[in-house]
Protein backbone atom coordinates (compact mmCIF):
# COMPACT_ATOMS: atom_id res chain seq x y z
CA MET A 1 -0.05 6.91 15.64
CA SER A 2 -3.82 6.83 16.32
CA GLN A 3 -3.34 9.80 18.83
CA ALA A 4 -1.28 11.75 16.30
CA ALA A 5 -4.21 11.37 13.76
CA LEU A 6 -6.82 12.42 16.26
CA ARG A 7 -4.86 15.51 17.46
CA GLU A 8 -4.41 16.53 13.79
CA ALA A 9 -8.17 16.14 13.09
CA GLN A 10 -8.94 18.08 16.16
CA ASP A 11 -6.39 20.80 15.25
CA GLN A 12 -7.77 21.02 11.81
CA GLY A 13 -11.23 21.07 12.98
CA GLU A 14 -10.57 23.93 15.44
CA ALA A 15 -8.86 26.08 12.62
CA PHE A 16 -11.60 25.47 10.17
CA ALA A 17 -14.29 26.44 12.82
CA HIS A 18 -12.17 29.41 14.07
CA ALA A 19 -12.21 30.84 10.50
CA LEU A 20 -15.98 30.79 10.90
CA THR A 21 -16.01 34.13 12.89
CA TRP A 22 -19.85 34.67 12.60
CA LEU A 23 -20.46 31.63 14.53
CA GLY A 24 -20.96 31.47 18.37
CA ALA A 25 -18.60 29.60 20.48
CA GLY A 26 -20.94 26.60 20.91
CA GLU A 27 -21.55 26.40 17.04
CA GLN A 28 -17.75 26.66 16.53
CA ARG A 29 -17.17 23.57 18.79
CA GLU A 30 -19.68 21.66 17.03
CA ILE A 31 -18.37 22.47 13.59
CA SER A 32 -14.86 21.66 14.98
CA HIS A 33 -15.99 18.26 16.24
CA ARG A 34 -18.02 17.36 13.11
CA PHE A 35 -15.05 18.43 10.85
CA ALA A 36 -12.56 16.34 13.04
CA GLN A 37 -14.89 13.23 12.79
CA HIS A 38 -15.30 13.78 9.18
CA HIS A 39 -11.48 13.73 8.83
CA LEU A 40 -11.03 10.83 10.86
CA ARG A 41 -13.52 8.93 8.94
CA LEU A 42 -11.64 9.87 5.50
CA ARG A 43 -8.35 8.84 6.98
CA ARG A 44 -9.76 5.60 8.11
CA GLU A 45 -11.19 4.72 4.68
CA MET A 46 -7.92 5.99 2.84
CA LEU A 47 -6.06 3.67 5.15
CA THR A 48 -8.27 0.70 4.66
CA ALA A 49 -8.03 1.24 0.80
CA THR A 50 -4.31 1.56 0.91
CA VAL A 51 -4.01 -1.92 3.06
CA ALA A 52 -6.53 -3.59 0.41
CA ARG A 53 -4.28 -2.48 -2.49
CA ALA A 54 -1.22 -3.59 -0.62
CA ALA A 55 -2.86 -6.98 -0.38
CA GLU A 56 -3.64 -7.08 -3.91
CA LEU A 57 -0.04 -5.88 -5.00
CA ARG A 58 1.45 -8.83 -2.65
CA GLY A 59 -0.75 -11.29 -4.47
CA GLU A 60 0.18 -10.02 -7.92
CA TYR A 61 3.87 -9.82 -7.35
CA ALA A 62 3.87 -13.22 -5.56
CA HIS A 63 2.43 -14.66 -8.91
CA ARG A 64 4.97 -12.83 -10.99
CA TYR A 65 7.57 -13.92 -8.78
CA GLY A 66 6.71 -17.53 -9.17
CA GLN A 67 6.44 -17.34 -12.91
CA LEU A 68 9.86 -15.75 -12.84
CA CYS A 69 11.40 -18.72 -10.78
CA ARG A 70 9.91 -21.16 -13.10
CA ARG A 71 11.23 -19.43 -15.99
CA ALA A 72 14.42 -18.96 -14.55
CA THR A 73 14.77 -22.68 -13.47
CA GLY A 74 13.66 -23.85 -16.87
CA LEU A 75 16.14 -21.70 -18.50
CA ALA A 76 18.99 -23.18 -16.20
CA VAL A 77 17.75 -26.63 -16.97
CA GLY A 78 17.86 -26.15 -20.60
CA VAL A 79 21.38 -24.62 -20.60
CA PHE A 80 22.58 -27.42 -18.55
CA ALA A 81 21.18 -30.22 -20.79
CA LEU A 82 22.59 -28.15 -23.85
CA TRP A 83 26.02 -28.03 -22.34
CA THR A 84 25.76 -31.78 -21.35
CA ALA A 85 24.80 -32.61 -24.81
CA VAL A 86 27.73 -30.62 -26.27
CA LEU A 87 30.10 -32.02 -23.95
CA ILE A 88 29.04 -35.63 -24.73
CA LEU A 89 29.22 -35.09 -28.52
CA LEU A 90 32.77 -33.29 -28.14
CA CYS A 91 34.18 -36.18 -25.97
CA ARG A 92 33.02 -38.95 -28.10
CA PRO A 93 36.02 -40.97 -29.92
């Protein structure tokens, strides 16, 4: 995956530098290299931000799931208690 990202950055850098026809070959190589490095740095920053956001969401969803489980358990216990009380009252002589 990193090799594909590197190759993509290099290809885009070369395409960008090639469009600057007034530059010499050495200047185009330098521009291509700098463009590729910038592209990789941006990609790394986006990936880091995505990983951080995923961790935040994992924590938020774990908290919400815990709340949901507690509510569902409380509701089940309440329904069970209510049915037990109804059955006790109905079965009394």
